[in-house]
PDB file of N, CA and C in Angstrom:
ATOM      1  N   MET A   1       8.697  29.070   3.962  1.00  0.00           N
ATOM      2  CA  MET A   1       9.162  27.823   3.484  1.00  0.00           C
ATOM      3  C   MET A   1       9.267  26.785   4.619  1.00  0.00           C
ATOM      4  N   GLY A   2       8.435  25.890   4.820  1.00  0.00           N
ATOM      5  CA  GLY A   2       8.998  24.770   6.209  1.00  0.00           C
ATOM      6  C   GLY A   2       9.464  23.715   5.752  1.00  0.00           C
ATOM      7  N   LEU A   3       9.764  22.969   6.477  1.00  0.00           N
ATOM      8  CA  LEU A   3      11.087  21.552   6.188  1.00  0.00           C
ATOM      9  C   LEU A   3       9.853  20.586   6.059  1.00  0.00           C
ATOM     10  N   ALA A   4      10.280  19.982   4.764  1.00  0.00           N
ATOM     11  CA  ALA A   4       9.382  18.610   4.389  1.00  0.00           C
ATOM     12  C   ALA A   4       9.764  17.425   4.989  1.00  0.00           C
ATOM     13  N   GLY A   5       8.469  16.753   5.690  1.00  0.00           N
ATOM     14  CA  GLY A   5       8.870  15.668   6.656  1.00  0.00           C
ATOM     15  C   GLY A   5       8.460  14.350   5.695  1.00  0.00           C
ATOM     16  N   GLY A   6       8.053  13.523   6.758  1.00  0.00           N
ATOM     17  CA  GLY A   6       6.992  12.197   6.319  1.00  0.00           C
ATOM     18  C   GLY A   6       8.155  11.050   5.822  1.00  0.00           C
ATOM     19  N   ARG A   7       7.498  10.111   6.095  1.00  0.00           N
ATOM     20  CA  ARG A   7       8.655   8.964   5.708  1.00  0.00           C
ATOM     21  C   ARG A   7       8.887   8.680   4.285  1.00  0.00           C
ATOM     22  N   THR A   8       9.978   8.047   3.944  1.00  0.00           N
ATOM     23  CA  THR A   8      10.446   8.162   2.637  1.00  0.00           C
ATOM     24  C   THR A   8       9.337   6.469   2.174  1.00  0.00           C
ATOM     25  N   PRO A   9       8.958   6.625   0.790  1.00  0.00           N
ATOM     26  CA  PRO A   9       8.036   5.672   0.361  1.00  0.00           C
ATOM     27  C   PRO A   9       8.866   4.370   0.122  1.00  0.00           C
ATOM     28  N   VAL A  10       8.336   3.543   0.615  1.00  0.00           N
ATOM     29  CA  VAL A  10       8.984   1.796  -0.007  1.00  0.00           C
ATOM     30  C   VAL A  10       9.036   1.741  -1.085  1.00  0.00           C
ATOM     31  N   ILE A  11       7.957   1.893  -1.951  1.00  0.00           N
ATOM     32  CA  ILE A  11       7.895   1.539  -3.333  1.00  0.00           C
ATOM     33  C   ILE A  11       8.015   2.941  -4.128  1.00  0.00           C
ATOM     34  N   THR A  12       9.063   2.818  -4.793  1.00  0.00           N
ATOM     35  CA  THR A  12       9.591   3.800  -5.756  1.00  0.00           C
ATOM     36  C   THR A  12       8.852   3.907  -7.158  1.00  0.00           C
ATOM     37  N   GLY A  13       8.972   4.944  -7.970  1.00  0.00           N
ATOM     38  CA  GLY A  13       8.542   5.036  -9.166  1.00  0.00           C
ATOM     39  C   GLY A  13       9.257   3.676  -9.961  1.00  0.00           C
ATOM     40  N   ASP A  14      10.443   3.431  -9.991  1.00  0.00           N
ATOM     41  CA  ASP A  14      11.157   2.093 -10.430  1.00  0.00           C
ATOM     42  C   ASP A  14      10.545   0.931 -10.100  1.00  0.00           C
ATOM     43  N   MET A  15      10.374   0.828  -8.865  1.00  0.00           N
ATOM     44  CA  MET A  15       9.964  -0.510  -8.498  1.00  0.00           C
ATOM     45  C   MET A  15       8.450  -0.393  -8.760  1.00  0.00           C
ATOM     46  N   LEU A  16       7.354   0.649  -8.895  1.00  0.00           N
ATOM     47  CA  LEU A  16       6.258   0.253  -9.255  1.00  0.00           C
ATOM     48  C   LEU A  16       6.350   0.234 -10.748  1.00  0.00           C
ATOM     49  N   TYR A  17       6.926   0.551 -11.604  1.00  0.00           N
ATOM     50  CA  TYR A  17       7.039   0.275 -12.710  1.00  0.00           C
ATOM     51  C   TYR A  17       7.373  -1.373 -12.754  1.00  0.00           C
ATOM     52  N   ILE A  18       7.905  -1.853 -12.036  1.00  0.00           N
ATOM     53  CA  ILE A  18       8.409  -3.454 -12.245  1.00  0.00           C
ATOM     54  C   ILE A  18       7.104  -4.221 -11.617  1.00  0.00           C
ATOM     55  N   VAL A  19       6.595  -3.605 -10.559  1.00  0.00           N
ATOM     56  CA  VAL A  19       5.348  -4.425 -10.091  1.00  0.00           C
ATOM     57  C   VAL A  19       4.275  -4.213 -10.998  1.00  0.00           C
ATOM     58  N   LEU A  20       3.979  -3.255 -11.655  1.00  0.00           N
ATOM     59  CA  LEU A  20       2.799  -3.133 -12.574  1.00  0.00           C
ATOM     60  C   LEU A  20       2.992  -4.026 -14.385  1.00  0.00           C
ATOM     61  N   ARG A  21       4.560  -3.868 -14.119  1.00  0.00           N
ATOM     62  CA  ARG A  21       4.809  -4.951 -15.579  1.00  0.00           C
ATOM     63  C   ARG A  21       4.782  -6.435 -15.419  1.00  0.00           C
ATOM     64  N   SER A  22       4.948  -6.718 -14.049  1.00  0.00           N
ATOM     65  CA  SER A  22       4.955  -8.326 -13.541  1.00  0.00           C
ATOM     66  C   SER A  22       3.315  -8.611 -13.527  1.00  0.00           C
ATOM     67  N   ARG A  23       2.367  -7.409 -13.174  1.00  0.00           N
ATOM     68  CA  ARG A  23       1.226  -7.777 -12.850  1.00  0.00           C
ATOM     69  C   ARG A  23       0.553  -7.861 -14.314  1.00  0.00           C
ATOM     70  N   ALA A  24       0.781  -7.299 -15.245  1.00  0.00           N
ATOM     71  CA  ALA A  24       0.616  -7.263 -16.923  1.00  0.00           C
ATOM     72  C   ALA A  24       0.916  -8.722 -17.356  1.00  0.00           C
ATOM     73  N   ASN A  25       1.866  -9.355 -16.784  1.00  0.00           N
ATOM     74  CA  ASN A  25       2.074 -10.240 -16.938  1.00  0.00           C
ATOM     75  C   ASN A  25       1.889 -11.866 -16.546  1.00  0.00           C
ATOM     76  N   GLY A  26       0.898 -11.440 -15.275  1.00  0.00           N
ATOM     77  CA  GLY A  26      -0.071 -12.398 -15.183  1.00  0.00           C
ATOM     78  C   GLY A  26       0.385 -12.661 -13.573  1.00  0.00           C
ATOM     79  N   GLU A  27       1.767 -12.511 -13.397  1.00  0.00           N
ATOM     80  CA  GLU A  27       2.254 -12.679 -11.685  1.00  0.00           C
ATOM     81  C   GLU A  27       1.411 -12.233 -10.871  1.00  0.00           C
ATOM     82  N   THR A  28       1.305 -12.963  -9.809  1.00  0.00           N
ATOM     83  CA  THR A  28       0.335 -12.667  -8.446  1.00  0.00           C
ATOM     84  C   THR A  28       1.570 -11.906  -7.708  1.00  0.00           C
ATOM     85  N   VAL A  29       0.771 -11.173  -6.515  1.00  0.00           N
ATOM     86  CA  VAL A  29       1.765 -10.559  -5.923  1.00  0.00           C
ATOM     87  C   VAL A  29       2.732 -10.961  -5.162  1.00  0.00           C
ATOM     88  N   GLU A  30       2.739 -12.501  -4.601  1.00  0.00           N
ATOM     89  CA  GLU A  30       3.706 -12.930  -3.854  1.00  0.00           C
ATOM     90  C   GLU A  30       4.505 -13.429  -4.782  1.00  0.00           C
ATOM     91  N   GLN A  31       4.360 -13.582  -6.202  1.00  0.00           N
ATOM     92  CA  GLN A  31       5.604 -14.025  -7.098  1.00  0.00           C
ATOM     93  C   GLN A  31       6.075 -12.658  -7.463  1.00  0.00           C
ATOM     94  N   ILE A  32       5.725 -11.518  -7.274  1.00  0.00           N
ATOM     95  CA  ILE A  32       6.428 -10.286  -7.620  1.00  0.00           C
ATOM     96  C   ILE A  32       7.435  -9.929  -6.228  1.00  0.00           C
ATOM     97  N   GLN A  33       6.796 -10.328  -5.318  1.00  0.00           N
ATOM     98  CA  GLN A  33       7.654  -9.624  -4.063  1.00  0.00           C
ATOM     99  C   GLN A  33       9.116  -9.846  -3.974  1.00  0.00           C
ATOM    100  N   PRO A  34       9.549 -11.071  -4.296  1.00  0.00           N
ATOM    101  CA  PRO A  34      11.162 -11.198  -4.357  1.00  0.00           C
ATOM    102  C   PRO A  34      11.866 -10.186  -5.060  1.00  0.00           C
ATOM    103  N   ASP A  35      11.432  -9.970  -6.486  1.00  0.00           N
ATOM    104  CA  ASP A  35      12.096  -9.077  -7.443  1.00  0.00           C
ATOM    105  C   ASP A  35      12.505  -7.658  -6.856  1.00  0.00           C
ATOM    106  N   PRO A  36      11.682  -6.601  -6.387  1.00  0.00           N
ATOM    107  CA  PRO A  36      12.230  -5.465  -6.155  1.00  0.00           C
ATOM    108  C   PRO A  36      12.890  -5.208  -5.073  1.00  0.00           C
ATOM    109  N   ILE A  37      13.606  -4.311  -4.992  1.00  0.00           N
ATOM    110  CA  ILE A  37      14.742  -4.363  -3.757  1.00  0.00           C
ATOM    111  C   ILE A  37      14.688  -2.894  -3.387  1.00  0.00           C
ATOM    112  N   ILE A  38      14.524  -2.426  -1.912  1.00  0.00           N
ATOM    113  CA  ILE A  38      14.755  -1.009  -1.691  1.00  0.00           C
ATOM    114  C   ILE A  38      15.781  -0.862  -1.593  1.00  0.00           C
ATOM    115  N   PRO A  39      15.610   0.936  -2.322  1.00  0.00           N
ATOM    116  CA  PRO A  39      16.964   1.341  -2.473  1.00  0.00           C
ATOM    117  C   PRO A  39      17.557   2.016  -1.420  1.00  0.00           C
ATOM    118  N   ILE A  40      16.628   2.938  -0.641  1.00  0.00           N
ATOM    119  CA  ILE A  40      17.041   3.906   0.341  1.00  0.00           C
ATOM    120  C   ILE A  40      16.457   3.276   1.637  1.00  0.00           C
ATOM    121  N   GLY A  41      16.715   3.928   2.652  1.00  0.00           N
ATOM    122  CA  GLY A  41      16.033   3.990   4.265  1.00  0.00           C
ATOM    123  C   GLY A  41      16.678   2.703   4.870  1.00  0.00           C
ATOM    124  N   LYS A  42      15.595   2.671   6.158  1.00  0.00           N
ATOM    125  CA  LYS A  42      16.309   1.715   7.117  1.00  0.00           C
ATOM    126  C   LYS A  42      16.214   0.216   6.373  1.00  0.00           C
ATOM    127  N   ARG A  43      15.343  -0.013   5.307  1.00  0.00           N
ATOM    128  CA  ARG A  43      15.125  -1.228   4.812  1.00  0.00           C
ATOM    129  C   ARG A  43      15.894  -1.507   3.978  1.00  0.00           C
ATOM    130  N   LYS A  44      16.843  -0.597   3.188  1.00  0.00           N
ATOM    131  CA  LYS A  44      17.516  -0.262   2.009  1.00  0.00           C
ATOM    132  C   LYS A  44      18.257  -2.041   2.026  1.00  0.00           C
ATOM    133  N   GLY A  45      18.258  -2.573   0.565  1.00  0.00           N
ATOM    134  CA  GLY A  45      18.585  -3.780   0.597  1.00  0.00           C
ATOM    135  C   GLY A  45      17.820  -5.193   0.574  1.00  0.00           C
ATOM    136  N   ARG A  46      16.446  -4.600   1.217  1.00  0.00           N
ATOM    137  CA  ARG A  46      15.527  -5.781   1.438  1.00  0.00           C
ATOM    138  C   ARG A  46      14.463  -5.771   0.302  1.00  0.00           C
ATOM    139  N   ASN A  47      13.493  -6.660   0.518  1.00  0.00           N
ATOM    140  CA  ASN A  47      12.619  -6.414  -0.358  1.00  0.00           C
ATOM    141  C   ASN A  47      11.077  -5.872   0.448  1.00  0.00           C
ATOM    142  N   PRO A  48      10.394  -5.272  -0.489  1.00  0.00           N
ATOM    143  CA  PRO A  48       9.043  -4.730   0.062  1.00  0.00           C
ATOM    144  C   PRO A  48       8.121  -5.696   0.597  1.00  0.00           C
ATOM    145  N   SER A  49       7.345  -5.817   1.606  1.00  0.00           N
ATOM    146  CA  SER A  49       6.346  -6.503   2.107  1.00  0.00           C
ATOM    147  C   SER A  49       5.340  -6.926   0.770  1.00  0.00           C
ATOM    148  N   VAL A  50       4.344  -7.869   0.816  1.00  0.00           N
ATOM    149  CA  VAL A  50       3.505  -7.794  -0.006  1.00  0.00           C
ATOM    150  C   VAL A  50       2.375  -7.024   0.099  1.00  0.00           C
ATOM    151  N   VAL A  51       2.079  -6.613   1.632  1.00  0.00           N
ATOM    152  CA  VAL A  51       1.335  -5.682   1.932  1.00  0.00           C
ATOM    153  C   VAL A  51       1.603  -4.345   1.475  1.00  0.00           C
ATOM    154  N   SER A  52       3.045  -3.736   1.381  1.00  0.00           N
ATOM    155  CA  SER A  52       3.508  -2.454   0.561  1.00  0.00           C
ATOM    156  C   SER A  52       2.863  -2.609  -0.738  1.00  0.00           C
ATOM    157  N   ILE A  53       3.153  -3.799  -1.515  1.00  0.00           N
ATOM    158  CA  ILE A  53       2.827  -3.954  -2.989  1.00  0.00           C
ATOM    159  C   ILE A  53       1.606  -3.517  -3.404  1.00  0.00           C
ATOM    160  N   TYR A  54       0.693  -4.301  -2.215  1.00  0.00           N
ATOM    161  CA  TYR A  54      -0.958  -4.122  -2.414  1.00  0.00           C
ATOM    162  C   TYR A  54      -1.270  -2.674  -2.491  1.00  0.00           C
ATOM    163  N   ARG A  55      -0.428  -2.117  -1.149  1.00  0.00           N
ATOM    164  CA  ARG A  55      -1.007  -0.444  -0.759  1.00  0.00           C
ATOM    165  C   ARG A  55      -0.493   0.355  -2.170  1.00  0.00           C
ATOM    166  N   ALA A  56       0.836   0.152  -2.965  1.00  0.00           N
ATOM    167  CA  ALA A  56       1.276   0.923  -4.003  1.00  0.00           C
ATOM    168  C   ALA A  56       0.084   0.420  -5.265  1.00  0.00           C
ATOM    169  N   LEU A  57      -0.296  -0.677  -5.466  1.00  0.00           N
ATOM    170  CA  LEU A  57      -1.084  -1.004  -6.495  1.00  0.00           C
ATOM    171  C   LEU A  57      -2.510  -0.035  -6.290  1.00  0.00           C
ATOM    172  N   ALA A  58      -3.025  -0.189  -4.948  1.00  0.00           N
ATOM    173  CA  ALA A  58      -4.039   0.806  -4.814  1.00  0.00           C
ATOM    174  C   ALA A  58      -4.087   1.771  -4.736  1.00  0.00           C
ATOM    175  N   ALA A  59      -3.052   2.244  -4.474  1.00  0.00           N
ATOM    176  CA  ALA A  59      -2.824   3.979  -4.536  1.00  0.00           C
ATOM    177  C   ALA A  59      -2.842   4.203  -6.104  1.00  0.00           C
ATOM    178  N   TYR A  60      -2.040   3.328  -6.947  1.00  0.00           N
ATOM    179  CA  TYR A  60      -2.051   3.754  -8.185  1.00  0.00           C
ATOM    180  C   TYR A  60      -3.140   3.645  -8.827  1.00  0.00           C
ATOM    181  N   GLU A  61      -4.098   2.586  -9.049  1.00  0.00           N
ATOM    182  CA  GLU A  61      -5.346   2.374  -9.541  1.00  0.00           C
ATOM    183  C   GLU A  61      -6.374   3.244  -8.846  1.00  0.00           C
ATOM    184  N   ALA A  62      -6.420   4.081  -7.672  1.00  0.00           N
ATOM    185  CA  ALA A  62      -7.058   5.131  -7.114  1.00  0.00           C
ATOM    186  C   ALA A  62      -7.260   6.242  -7.884  1.00  0.00           C
ATOM    187  N   PRO A  63      -8.568   6.443  -8.358  1.00  0.00           N
ATOM    188  CA  PRO A  63      -8.970   7.818  -8.922  1.00  0.00           C
ATOM    189  C   PRO A  63      -8.261   8.786  -8.609  1.00  0.00           C
ATOM    190  N   ARG A  64      -7.763   9.593  -9.168  1.00  0.00           N
ATOM    191  CA  ARG A  64      -7.294  10.966  -8.418  1.00  0.00           C
ATOM    192  C   ARG A  64      -8.411  12.290  -8.480  1.00  0.00           C
ATOM    193  N   HIS A  65      -8.389  12.788  -7.323  1.00  0.00           N
ATOM    194  CA  HIS A  65      -9.249  13.834  -7.020  1.00  0.00           C
ATOM    195  C   HIS A  65      -8.770  15.361  -8.152  1.00  0.00           C
ATOM    196  N   THR A  66      -9.614  15.827  -8.949  1.00  0.00           N
ATOM    197  CA  THR A  66      -9.471  16.762 -10.024  1.00  0.00           C
ATOM    198  C   THR A  66      -9.528  18.074  -9.024  1.00  0.00           C
ATOM    199  N   GLY A  67     -10.448  18.258  -8.164  1.00  0.00           N
ATOM    200  CA  GLY A  67     -10.684  19.446  -7.711  1.00  0.00           C
ATOM    201  C   GLY A  67     -11.702  20.284  -8.013  1.00  0.00           C
ATOM    202  N   ARG A  68     -12.694  19.434  -8.984  1.00  0.00           N
ATOM    203  CA  ARG A  68     -13.714  19.976  -9.622  1.00  0.00           C
ATOM    204  C   ARG A  68     -14.958  19.345  -9.015  1.00  0.00           C
ATOM    205  N   HIS A  69     -15.998  19.927  -8.788  1.00  0.00           N
ATOM    206  CA  HIS A  69     -17.047  19.657  -7.982  1.00  0.00           C
ATOM    207  C   HIS A  69     -17.866  19.024  -9.210  1.00  0.00           C
ATOM    208  N   ARG A  70     -18.270  17.665  -8.969  1.00  0.00           N
ATOM    209  CA  ARG A  70     -18.761  16.753  -9.850  1.00  0.00           C
ATOM    210  C   ARG A  70     -20.408  16.829  -9.834  1.00  0.00           C
ATOM    211  N   ALA A  71     -20.872  17.237  -8.627  1.00  0.00           N
ATOM    212  CA  ALA A  71     -22.396  17.067  -8.744  1.00  0.00           C
ATOM    213  C   ALA A  71     -23.172  18.250  -9.606  1.00  0.00           C
ATOM    214  N   GLY A  72     -24.339  18.036  -9.968  1.00  0.00           N
ATOM    215  CA  GLY A  72     -24.859  18.973 -10.691  1.00  0.00           C
ATOM    216  C   GLY A  72     -25.167  20.277 -10.074  1.00  0.00           C
ATOM    217  N   PRO A  73     -25.940  21.206 -10.991  1.00  0.00           N
ATOM    218  CA  PRO A  73     -26.317  22.210 -10.140  1.00  0.00           C
ATOM    219  C   PRO A  73     -27.298  21.873  -8.944  1.00  0.00           C
ATOM    220  N   ARG A  74     -27.546  22.833  -7.937  1.00  0.00           N
ATOM    221  CA  ARG A  74     -28.628  22.810  -7.014  1.00  0.00           C
ATOM    222  C   ARG A  74     -29.712  23.336  -7.337  1.00  0.00           C
ATOM    223  N   ARG A  75     -30.720  22.084  -6.930  1.00  0.00           N
ATOM    224  CA  ARG A  75     -31.753  22.656  -7.321  1.00  0.00           C
ATOM    225  C   ARG A  75     -32.998  23.271  -6.357  1.00  0.00           C
ATOM    226  N   ALA A  76     -33.796  23.890  -6.983  1.00  0.00           N
ATOM    227  CA  ALA A  76     -34.897  24.476  -5.391  1.00  0.00           C
ATOM    228  C   ALA A  76     -35.622  23.116  -5.370  1.00  0.00           C
ATOM    229  N   CYS A  77     -36.474  23.140  -4.056  1.00  0.00           N
ATOM    230  CA  CYS A  77     -37.271  22.025  -3.630  1.00  0.00           C
ATOM    231  C   CYS A  77     -38.192  22.142  -4.514  1.00  0.00           C
ATOM    232  N   PRO A  78     -38.981  21.179  -4.800  1.00  0.00           N
ATOM    233  CA  PRO A  78     -39.968  20.897  -5.726  1.00  0.00           C
ATOM    234  C   PRO A  78     -41.261  21.389  -5.126  1.00  0.00           C
ATOM    235  N   ALA A  79     -41.331  21.574  -4.243  1.00  0.00           N
ATOM    236  CA  ALA A  79     -42.573  22.231  -3.376  1.00  0.00           C
ATOM    237  C   ALA A  79     -42.379  23.714  -2.968  1.00  0.00           C
ATOM    238  N   GLY A  80     -41.059  24.273  -3.154  1.00  0.00           N
ATOM    239  CA  GLY A  80     -40.819  25.269  -3.102  1.00  0.00           C
ATOM    240  C   GLY A  80     -40.860  25.908  -1.628  1.00  0.00           C
ATOM    241  N   ARG A  81     -40.848  24.641  -0.999  1.00  0.00           N
ATOM    242  CA  ARG A  81     -40.482  25.244   0.685  1.00  0.00           C
ATOM    243  C   ARG A  81     -38.788  24.933   0.931  1.00  0.00           C
ATOM    244  N   HIS A  82     -38.522  25.351   1.801  1.00  0.00           N
ATOM    245  CA  HIS A  82     -37.255  25.476   2.411  1.00  0.00           C
ATOM    246  C   HIS A  82     -36.258  26.413   1.922  1.00  0.00           C
ATOM    247  N   ARG A  83     -36.648  27.353   1.519  1.00  0.00           N
ATOM    248  CA  ARG A  83     -35.830  28.674   0.712  1.00  0.00           C
ATOM    249  C   ARG A  83     -35.480  29.440   2.367  1.00  0.00           C
ATOM    250  N   ARG A  84     -34.250  30.052   2.207  1.00  0.00           N
ATOM    251  CA  ARG A  84     -33.872  30.869   3.107  1.00  0.00           C
ATOM    252  C   ARG A  84     -34.804  31.982   3.358  1.00  0.00           C
ATOM    253  N   GLY A  85     -35.097  32.265   4.619  1.00  0.00           N
ATOM    254  CA  GLY A  85     -35.724  33.145   5.351  1.00  0.00           C
ATOM    255  C   GLY A  85     -37.512  32.896   5.128  1.00  0.00           C
ATOM    256  N   ASP A  86     -37.848  31.763   4.380  1.00  0.00           N
ATOM    257  CA  ASP A  86     -39.365  31.606   4.766  1.00  0.00           C
ATOM    258  C   ASP A  86     -39.618  31.016   5.955  1.00  0.00           C
ATOM    259  N   PRO A  87     -40.565  31.064   6.457  1.00  0.00           N
ATOM    260  CA  PRO A  87     -40.708  30.171   7.886  1.00  0.00           C
ATOM    261  C   PRO A  87     -41.059  28.735   7.232  1.00  0.00           C
ATOM    262  N   SER A  88     -40.969  27.603   8.185  1.00  0.00           N
ATOM    263  CA  SER A  88     -41.199  26.426   7.830  1.00  0.00           C
ATOM    264  C   SER A  88     -42.705  26.175   7.972  1.00  0.00           C
ATOM    265  N   PRO A  89     -43.219  25.618   6.880  1.00  0.00           N
ATOM    266  CA  PRO A  89     -44.419  25.091   6.929  1.00  0.00           C
ATOM    267  C   PRO A  89     -45.269  24.085   8.041  1.00  0.00           C
TER     268      PRO A  89
END
């Protein structure tokens, strides 16, 4: 077991909920920015930056990697070339 490291996230789950709810109500990120307050860390008690809110929204809306291969099955070359062990024409 190793030590967990890294920065504490600026946007917590509760803050993300506030941001998502406000966005659903039609508010811009600039209008949302004064509402959430950072609960822990060096910037405790302050508001997150507009950039942090945009990053949190982008991370929330990004498709999650499921680990499954989405490409179809491998197909042989239509001309029958490029097989292993066969010399190239």
